[in-house]
C-alpha atoms as a PDB file:
ATOM      1  CA  UNK A   1       0.000   0.000   0.000  1.00  0.00           C
ATOM      2  CA  UNK A   2       2.792   2.403   0.870  1.00  0.00           C
ATOM      3  CA  UNK A   3       4.458   1.603  -2.443  1.00  0.00           C
ATOM      4  CA  UNK A   4       1.303   2.468  -4.329  1.00  0.00           C
ATOM      5  CA  UNK A   5       0.937   5.772  -2.451  1.00  0.00           C
ATOM      6  CA  UNK A   6       4.560   6.656  -3.205  1.00  0.00           C
ATOM      7  CA  UNK A   7       3.980   6.038  -6.916  1.00  0.00           C
ATOM      8  CA  UNK A   8       0.849   8.217  -6.880  1.00  0.00           C
ATOM      9  CA  UNK A   9       2.618  11.076  -5.066  1.00  0.00           C
ATOM     10  CA  UNK A  10       5.585  10.933  -7.441  1.00  0.00           C
ATOM     11  CA  UNK A  11       3.240  10.992 -10.416  1.00  0.00           C
ATOM     12  CA  UNK A  12       1.408  14.043  -9.081  1.00  0.00           C
ATOM     13  CA  UNK A  13       4.691  15.866  -8.515  1.00  0.00           C
ATOM     14  CA  UNK A  14       5.862  15.146 -12.054  1.00  0.00           C
ATOM     15  CA  UNK A  15       2.512  16.332 -13.442  1.00  0.00           C
ATOM     16  CA  UNK A  16       2.687  19.565 -11.433  1.00  0.00           C
ATOM     17  CA  UNK A  17       6.224  20.309 -12.587  1.00  0.00           C
ATOM     18  CA  UNK A  18       5.362  19.589 -16.205  1.00  0.00           C
ATOM     19  CA  UNK A  19       2.261  21.801 -16.042  1.00  0.00           C
ATOM     20  CA  UNK A  20       4.246  24.659 -14.518  1.00  0.00           C
ATOM     21  CA  UNK A  21       6.913  24.557 -17.215  1.00  0.00           C
ATOM     22  CA  UNK A  22       4.202  24.393 -19.847  1.00  0.00           C
ATOM     23  CA  UNK A  23       2.461  27.470 -18.393  1.00  0.00           C
ATOM     24  CA  UNK A  24       5.712  29.426 -18.233  1.00  0.00           C
ATOM     25  CA  UNK A  25       6.576  28.524 -21.806  1.00  0.00           C
ATOM     26  CA  UNK A  26       3.106  29.539 -22.936  1.00  0.00           C
ATOM     27  CA  UNK A  27       3.222  32.841 -21.024  1.00  0.00           C
ATOM     28  CA  UNK A  28       6.605  33.744 -22.436  1.00  0.00           C
ATOM     29  CA  UNK A  29       5.207  33.269 -25.917  1.00  0.00           C
ATOM     30  CA  UNK A  30       2.124  35.487 -25.379  1.00  0.00           C
ATOM     31  CA  UNK A  31       2.075  38.927 -26.944  1.00  0.00           C
ATOM     32  CA  UNK A  32       0.366  42.184 -26.110  1.00  0.00           C
ATOM     33  CA  UNK A  33       0.019  45.478 -27.966  1.00  0.00           C
ATOM     34  CA  UNK A  34       1.191  48.696 -26.320  1.00  0.00           C
ATOM     35  CA  UNK A  35       1.733  52.352 -27.098  1.00  0.00           C
ATOM     36  CA  UNK A  36       5.454  52.958 -26.648  1.00  0.00           C
ATOM     37  CA  UNK A  37       6.771  56.440 -25.788  1.00  0.00           C
ATOM     38  CA  UNK A  38       9.603  57.137 -28.243  1.00  0.00           C
ATOM     39  CA  UNK A  39      10.836  60.501 -26.972  1.00  0.00           C
ATOM     40  CA  UNK A  40      10.699  61.907 -30.518  1.00  0.00           C
ATOM     41  CA  UNK A  41       8.887  65.189 -31.191  1.00  0.00           C
ATOM     42  CA  UNK A  42       7.891  64.207 -34.719  1.00  0.00           C
ATOM     43  CA  UNK A  43       6.665  60.710 -33.792  1.00  0.00           C
ATOM     44  CA  UNK A  44       6.134  60.592 -30.009  1.00  0.00           C
ATOM     45  CA  UNK A  45       4.254  57.268 -29.889  1.00  0.00           C
ATOM     46  CA  UNK A  46       4.746  53.901 -31.537  1.00  0.00           C
ATOM     47  CA  UNK A  47       2.105  51.183 -31.498  1.00  0.00           C
ATOM     48  CA  UNK A  48       3.889  47.838 -31.234  1.00  0.00           C
ATOM     49  CA  UNK A  49       3.566  44.252 -30.116  1.00  0.00           C
ATOM     50  CA  UNK A  50       5.718  43.020 -27.221  1.00  0.00           C
ATOM     51  CA  UNK A  51       6.017  39.964 -25.029  1.00  0.00           C
ATOM     52  CA  UNK A  52       3.863  39.973 -21.908  1.00  0.00           C
ATOM     53  CA  UNK A  53       6.996  39.318 -19.871  1.00  0.00           C
ATOM     54  CA  UNK A  54       8.205  42.842 -20.774  1.00  0.00           C
ATOM     55  CA  UNK A  55       4.873  44.559 -20.184  1.00  0.00           C
ATOM     56  CA  UNK A  56       5.551  45.662 -16.607  1.00  0.00           C
ATOM     57  CA  UNK A  57       8.839  47.294 -17.591  1.00  0.00           C
ATOM     58  CA  UNK A  58       7.202  49.227 -20.439  1.00  0.00           C
ATOM     59  CA  UNK A  59       4.320  50.438 -18.272  1.00  0.00           C
ATOM     60  CA  UNK A  60       6.848  51.686 -15.753  1.00  0.00           C
ATOM     61  CA  UNK A  61       8.439  53.856 -18.465  1.00  0.00           C
ATOM     62  CA  UNK A  62       5.190  55.664 -19.319  1.00  0.00           C
ATOM     63  CA  UNK A  63       3.903  53.294 -22.022  1.00  0.00           C
ATOM     64  CA  UNK A  64       0.260  52.181 -21.959  1.00  0.00           C
ATOM     65  CA  UNK A  65      -1.879  49.373 -23.367  1.00  0.00           C
ATOM     66  CA  UNK A  66      -2.974  49.699 -26.983  1.00  0.00           C
ATOM     67  CA  UNK A  67      -6.667  49.269 -27.767  1.00  0.00           C
ATOM     68  CA  UNK A  68      -6.750  50.642 -31.294  1.00  0.00           C
ATOM     69  CA  UNK A  69      -7.262  49.020 -34.716  1.00  0.00           C
ATOM     70  CA  UNK A  70      -5.372  45.755 -35.381  1.00  0.00           C
ATOM     71  CA  UNK A  71      -4.557  43.643 -38.429  1.00  0.00           C
ATOM     72  CA  UNK A  72      -5.576  40.039 -39.004  1.00  0.00           C
ATOM     73  CA  UNK A  73      -2.551  38.769 -37.063  1.00  0.00           C
ATOM     74  CA  UNK A  74      -3.484  40.912 -34.048  1.00  0.00           C
ATOM     75  CA  UNK A  75      -0.740  43.503 -34.481  1.00  0.00           C
ATOM     76  CA  UNK A  76      -1.474  47.268 -34.627  1.00  0.00           C
ATOM     77  CA  UNK A  77      -2.304  48.739 -38.028  1.00  0.00           C
ATOM     78  CA  UNK A  78      -0.351  51.576 -39.669  1.00  0.00           C
ATOM     79  CA  UNK A  79      -2.746  54.023 -37.992  1.00  0.00           C
ATOM     80  CA  UNK A  80      -1.779  52.713 -34.574  1.00  0.00           C
ATOM     81  CA  UNK A  81       0.754  55.481 -33.871  1.00  0.00           C
ATOM     82  CA  UNK A  82      -1.884  58.141 -34.417  1.00  0.00           C
ATOM     83  CA  UNK A  83      -4.321  56.279 -32.172  1.00  0.00           C
ATOM     84  CA  UNK A  84      -1.737  56.222 -29.401  1.00  0.00           C
ATOM     85  CA  UNK A  85      -1.073  59.960 -29.728  1.00  0.00           C
ATOM     86  CA  UNK A  86      -4.795  60.734 -29.478  1.00  0.00           C
ATOM     87  CA  UNK A  87      -5.424  58.477 -26.498  1.00  0.00           C
ATOM     88  CA  UNK A  88      -2.659  59.298 -24.056  1.00  0.00           C
ATOM     89  CA  UNK A  89      -4.177  58.724 -20.598  1.00  0.00           C
ATOM     90  CA  UNK A  90      -4.185  61.662 -18.217  1.00  0.00           C
ATOM     91  CA  UNK A  91      -3.293  61.064 -14.570  1.00  0.00           C
ATOM     92  CA  UNK A  92      -6.246  60.510 -12.268  1.00  0.00           C
ATOM     93  CA  UNK A  93      -7.428  63.283  -9.992  1.00  0.00           C
ATOM     94  CA  UNK A  94      -6.387  66.084 -12.349  1.00  0.00           C
ATOM     95  CA  UNK A  95      -7.074  69.592 -11.059  1.00  0.00           C
ATOM     96  CA  UNK A  96      -8.448  72.231 -13.398  1.00  0.00           C
ATOM     97  CA  UNK A  97      -6.195  74.711 -15.122  1.00  0.00           C
ATOM     98  CA  UNK A  98      -6.836  78.393 -14.383  1.00  0.00           C
ATOM     99  CA  UNK A  99      -6.692  80.979 -17.178  1.00  0.00           C
ATOM    100  CA  UNK A 100      -6.184  84.678 -16.464  1.00  0.00           C
ATOM    101  CA  UNK A 101      -5.214  87.735 -18.478  1.00  0.00           C
ATOM    102  CA  UNK A 102      -1.984  89.505 -17.619  1.00  0.00           C
ATOM    103  CA  UNK A 103      -1.909  92.687 -19.700  1.00  0.00           C
ATOM    104  CA  UNK A 104      -2.305  94.095 -23.212  1.00  0.00           C
ATOM    105  CA  UNK A 105       0.153  95.779 -25.552  1.00  0.00           C
ATOM    106  CA  UNK A 106       2.173  96.811 -27.274  1.00  0.00           C
ATOM    107  CA  UNK A 107      -0.240  97.008 -30.200  1.00  0.00           C
ATOM    108  CA  UNK A 108      -2.866  94.256 -30.300  1.00  0.00           C
ATOM    109  CA  UNK A 109      -0.848  91.783 -28.241  1.00  0.00           C
ATOM    110  CA  UNK A 110      -2.547  90.371 -25.132  1.00  0.00           C
ATOM    111  CA  UNK A 111      -0.605  88.265 -22.661  1.00  0.00           C
ATOM    112  CA  UNK A 112      -2.297  85.374 -20.846  1.00  0.00           C
ATOM    113  CA  UNK A 113      -1.316  83.142 -17.937  1.00  0.00           C
ATOM    114  CA  UNK A 114      -2.299  79.508 -17.352  1.00  0.00           C
ATOM    115  CA  UNK A 115      -1.782  78.160 -13.837  1.00  0.00           C
ATOM    116  CA  UNK A 116      -1.381  74.402 -13.494  1.00  0.00           C
ATOM    117  CA  UNK A 117      -1.874  73.347  -9.834  1.00  0.00           C
ATOM    118  CA  UNK A 118      -0.949  69.724 -10.538  1.00  0.00           C
ATOM    119  CA  UNK A 119       2.470  68.208  -9.963  1.00  0.00           C
ATOM    120  CA  UNK A 120       2.733  67.065 -13.582  1.00  0.00           C
ATOM    121  CA  UNK A 121       2.718  68.652 -17.038  1.00  0.00           C
ATOM    122  CA  UNK A 122      -0.574  68.654 -18.959  1.00  0.00           C
ATOM    123  CA  UNK A 123       0.188  68.212 -22.629  1.00  0.00           C
ATOM    124  CA  UNK A 124      -1.660  69.580 -25.654  1.00  0.00           C
ATOM    125  CA  UNK A 125      -3.646  72.383 -24.058  1.00  0.00           C
ATOM    126  CA  UNK A 126      -5.548  74.246 -26.788  1.00  0.00           C
ATOM    127  CA  UNK A 127      -6.648  77.886 -26.842  1.00  0.00           C
ATOM    128  CA  UNK A 128      -9.209  79.591 -29.068  1.00  0.00           C
ATOM    129  CA  UNK A 129      -9.932  83.314 -29.468  1.00  0.00           C
ATOM    130  CA  UNK A 130     -13.394  84.798 -30.067  1.00  0.00           C
ATOM    131  CA  UNK A 131     -14.280  86.712 -32.092  1.00  0.00           C
ATOM    132  CA  UNK A 132     -11.969  85.388 -34.791  1.00  0.00           C
ATOM    133  CA  UNK A 133     -10.260  82.126 -35.530  1.00  0.00           C
ATOM    134  CA  UNK A 134      -6.909  82.524 -33.759  1.00  0.00           C
ATOM    135  CA  UNK A 135      -5.913  79.341 -31.941  1.00  0.00           C
ATOM    136  CA  UNK A 136      -2.883  77.382 -30.781  1.00  0.00           C
ATOM    137  CA  UNK A 137      -1.547  74.585 -28.603  1.00  0.00           C
ATOM    138  CA  UNK A 138       0.921  74.480 -25.733  1.00  0.00           C
ATOM    139  CA  UNK A 139       1.960  72.300 -22.796  1.00  0.00           C
ATOM    140  CA  UNK A 140       0.953  73.567 -19.365  1.00  0.00           C
ATOM    141  CA  UNK A 141       4.039  73.262 -17.202  1.00  0.00           C
ATOM    142  CA  UNK A 142       3.828  72.886 -13.434  1.00  0.00           C
ATOM    143  CA  UNK A 143       3.001  76.324 -12.080  1.00  0.00           C
ATOM    144  CA  UNK A 144       2.536  79.185 -14.561  1.00  0.00           C
ATOM    145  CA  UNK A 145       2.724  79.098 -18.354  1.00  0.00           C
ATOM    146  CA  UNK A 146       2.349  82.226 -20.512  1.00  0.00           C
ATOM    147  CA  UNK A 147       1.192  82.723 -24.095  1.00  0.00           C
ATOM    148  CA  UNK A 148       0.183  85.669 -26.306  1.00  0.00           C
ATOM    149  CA  UNK A 149      -2.648  86.420 -28.726  1.00  0.00           C
ATOM    150  CA  UNK A 150      -2.702  89.054 -31.464  1.00  0.00           C
ATOM    151  CA  UNK A 151      -6.431  89.481 -32.212  1.00  0.00           C
ATOM    152  CA  UNK A 152      -7.330  93.193 -31.804  1.00  0.00           C
ATOM    153  CA  UNK A 153     -10.064  94.639 -29.619  1.00  0.00           C
ATOM    154  CA  UNK A 154     -11.970  93.084 -26.745  1.00  0.00           C
ATOM    155  CA  UNK A 155     -11.624  89.313 -27.011  1.00  0.00           C
ATOM    156  CA  UNK A 156     -12.349  86.168 -25.028  1.00  0.00           C
ATOM    157  CA  UNK A 157      -9.958  83.239 -24.856  1.00  0.00           C
ATOM    158  CA  UNK A 158     -10.999  79.675 -24.085  1.00  0.00           C
ATOM    159  CA  UNK A 159      -8.563  76.928 -23.167  1.00  0.00           C
ATOM    160  CA  UNK A 160      -9.530  73.273 -23.232  1.00  0.00           C
ATOM    161  CA  UNK A 161      -7.740  70.044 -22.463  1.00  0.00           C
ATOM    162  CA  UNK A 162      -8.503  66.355 -22.015  1.00  0.00           C
ATOM    163  CA  UNK A 163      -9.174  66.134 -18.306  1.00  0.00           C
ATOM    164  CA  UNK A 164     -10.967  62.803 -18.101  1.00  0.00           C
ATOM    165  CA  UNK A 165     -10.272  60.950 -21.331  1.00  0.00           C
ATOM    166  CA  UNK A 166     -13.537  62.086 -22.906  1.00  0.00           C
ATOM    167  CA  UNK A 167     -14.775  64.803 -25.260  1.00  0.00           C
ATOM    168  CA  UNK A 168     -15.787  67.547 -24.788  1.00  0.00           C
ATOM    169  CA  UNK A 169     -12.735  68.332 -22.725  1.00  0.00           C
ATOM    170  CA  UNK A 170     -12.426  70.490 -19.640  1.00  0.00           C
ATOM    171  CA  UNK A 171     -12.243  74.227 -20.387  1.00  0.00           C
ATOM    172  CA  UNK A 172     -11.790  77.643 -18.841  1.00  0.00           C
ATOM    173  CA  UNK A 173     -12.449  81.159 -20.192  1.00  0.00           C
ATOM    174  CA  UNK A 174     -11.205  84.691 -19.592  1.00  0.00           C
ATOM    175  CA  UNK A 175     -11.471  88.025 -21.404  1.00  0.00           C
ATOM    176  CA  UNK A 176      -9.220  91.058 -21.705  1.00  0.00           C
ATOM    177  CA  UNK A 177     -11.728  93.740 -20.642  1.00  0.00           C
ATOM    178  CA  UNK A 178     -10.415  96.426 -18.312  1.00  0.00           C
ATOM    179  CA  UNK A 179      -6.940  94.968 -18.416  1.00  0.00           C
ATOM    180  CA  UNK A 180      -3.950  97.147 -17.822  1.00  0.00           C
ATOM    181  CA  UNK A 181      -1.326  97.984 -20.389  1.00  0.00           C
ATOM    182  CA  UNK A 182       1.804  95.884 -20.240  1.00  0.00           C
ATOM    183  CA  UNK A 183       4.557  97.904 -18.681  1.00  0.00           C
ATOM    184  CA  UNK A 184       7.717  98.335 -20.656  1.00  0.00           C
ATOM    185  CA  UNK A 185      11.021  98.393 -18.858  1.00  0.00           C
ATOM    186  CA  UNK A 186      12.424 101.915 -18.542  1.00  0.00           C
ATOM    187  CA  UNK A 187      15.236 102.721 -20.951  1.00  0.00           C
ATOM    188  CA  UNK A 188      18.644 102.032 -19.602  1.00  0.00           C
ATOM    189  CA  UNK A 189      20.269 105.395 -18.858  1.00  0.00           C
ATOM    190  CA  UNK A 190      23.429 106.168 -20.733  1.00  0.00           C
ATOM    191  CA  UNK A 191      26.274 106.308 -18.242  1.00  0.00           C
ATOM    192  CA  UNK A 192      27.976 109.692 -17.976  1.00  0.00           C
ATOM    193  CA  UNK A 193      31.549 110.137 -16.862  1.00  0.00           C
ATOM    194  CA  UNK A 194      32.253 113.311 -14.926  1.00  0.00           C
ATOM    195  CA  UNK A 195      35.789 114.657 -15.098  1.00  0.00           C
ATOM    196  CA  UNK A 196      37.620 113.883 -11.925  1.00  0.00           C
ATOM    197  CA  UNK A 197      39.107 116.981 -10.307  1.00  0.00           C
ATOM    198  CA  UNK A 198      42.408 116.076  -8.753  1.00  0.00           C
ATOM    199  CA  UNK A 199      43.110 119.517  -7.350  1.00  0.00           C
ATOM    200  CA  UNK A 200      42.711 123.233  -7.898  1.00  0.00           C
ATOM    201  CA  UNK A 201      45.235 126.011  -8.068  1.00  0.00           C
ATOM    202  CA  UNK A 202      44.433 129.367  -6.543  1.00  0.00           C
ATOM    203  CA  UNK A 203      46.231 132.592  -6.208  1.00  0.00           C
ATOM    204  CA  UNK A 204      46.747 131.771  -2.566  1.00  0.00           C
ATOM    205  CA  UNK A 205      49.451 129.273  -1.702  1.00  0.00           C
ATOM    206  CA  UNK A 206      49.789 127.209   1.395  1.00  0.00           C
ATOM    207  CA  UNK A 207      49.137 129.337   4.419  1.00  0.00           C
ATOM    208  CA  UNK A 208      47.686 132.090   2.277  1.00  0.00           C
ATOM    209  CA  UNK A 209      50.921 133.065   0.558  1.00  0.00           C
ATOM    210  CA  UNK A 210      50.441 134.644  -2.833  1.00  0.00           C
ATOM    211  CA  UNK A 211      51.505 132.599  -5.837  1.00  0.00           C
ATOM    212  CA  UNK A 212      53.163 134.331  -8.776  1.00  0.00           C
ATOM    213  CA  UNK A 213      50.839 134.607 -11.712  1.00  0.00           C
ATOM    214  CA  UNK A 214      51.438 135.755 -15.231  1.00  0.00           C
ATOM    215  CA  UNK A 215      48.404 137.032 -17.007  1.00  0.00           C
ATOM    216  CA  UNK A 216      47.707 136.630 -20.681  1.00  0.00           C
ATOM    217  CA  UNK A 217      47.865 140.423 -21.105  1.00  0.00           C
ATOM    218  CA  UNK A 218      51.516 140.461 -19.911  1.00  0.00           C
ATOM    219  CA  UNK A 219      52.514 138.072 -22.698  1.00  0.00           C
ATOM    220  CA  UNK A 220      50.601 140.154 -25.238  1.00  0.00           C
ATOM    221  CA  UNK A 221      52.444 143.306 -24.103  1.00  0.00           C
ATOM    222  CA  UNK A 222      55.865 141.666 -24.498  1.00  0.00           C
ATOM    223  CA  UNK A 223      54.875 140.512 -27.972  1.00  0.00           C
ATOM    224  CA  UNK A 224      53.835 144.002 -29.052  1.00  0.00           C
ATOM    225  CA  UNK A 225      56.996 145.533 -27.621  1.00  0.00           C
ATOM    226  CA  UNK A 226      59.101 143.070 -29.581  1.00  0.00           C
ATOM    227  CA  UNK A 227      57.279 143.813 -32.794  1.00  0.00           C
ATOM    228  CA  UNK A 228      57.640 147.547 -32.141  1.00  0.00           C
ATOM    229  CA  UNK A 229      61.400 147.240 -31.592  1.00  0.00           C
ATOM    230  CA  UNK A 230      61.836 145.359 -34.835  1.00  0.00           C
ATOM    231  CA  UNK A 231      59.750 147.905 -36.679  1.00  0.00           C
ATOM    232  CA  UNK A 232      61.746 150.794 -35.226  1.00  0.00           C
ATOM    233  CA  UNK A 233      65.088 149.196 -36.177  1.00  0.00           C
ATOM    234  CA  UNK A 234      63.854 148.613 -39.703  1.00  0.00           C
ATOM    235  CA  UNK A 235      62.677 152.217 -40.017  1.00  0.00           C
ATOM    236  CA  UNK A 236      65.950 153.692 -38.736  1.00  0.00           C
ATOM    237  CA  UNK A 237      67.929 151.582 -41.152  1.00  0.00           C
ATOM    238  CA  UNK A 238      65.844 152.743 -44.069  1.00  0.00           C
ATOM    239  CA  UNK A 239      66.037 156.375 -43.040  1.00  0.00           C
ATOM    240  CA  UNK A 240      69.865 156.494 -42.792  1.00  0.00           C
ATOM    241  CA  UNK A 241      70.459 156.277 -39.094  1.00  0.00           C
ATOM    242  CA  UNK A 242      72.640 153.243 -39.569  1.00  0.00           C
ATOM    243  CA  UNK A 243      75.101 155.283 -41.686  1.00  0.00           C
ATOM    244  CA  UNK A 244      75.431 157.933 -39.060  1.00  0.00           C
ATOM    245  CA  UNK A 245      76.591 155.370 -36.566  1.00  0.00           C
END
């Protein structure tokens, strides 16, 4: 009886081991489709098939499961990359963005501020101006992000973003009525260099003693006297005084 029980137990152990290896081999051969973050600006997402054994690593890097169109063999179609880009999941518990106007000018420029209270960047935030058709897209960084519009007059701006994975998206509005003019920094003053006075000379010396001075008129007088002497000598020579001597 003991021999029979030993054979049964051994058989069950062998069956369990064989089943486990079979399950592992099967699992390692299973595939799953994901949206892989490439880090490229031109093609940020790539829909691809990977082994389930690598799924946890990919999800930890920001990838997510692909649920878009597939081909007959179960792999993503050529439109899979676009599907991934349009279905990036937003973190749960997202707080609303807050739009406010900063100032207007110069010209028709209006400056706007978007405050993101979350601790993560919200990508692909859209803005639209009414009246008119001015629009654009930006990423709302943590804290404050600024952008400008150029539509003239009193306008209203609406921002919208995918807050819960559905459309229509979350939105916020603000207008530029009664907004102040953007201040321009004052012009930088041109530095002026004043001549440095090292000392002054006066007619009084140390202790009040008079310093000798020679005025410009003294030099002029000497000059005239010299010219007069030369003129007189020339005249006497011409008039015969030189012969008399």
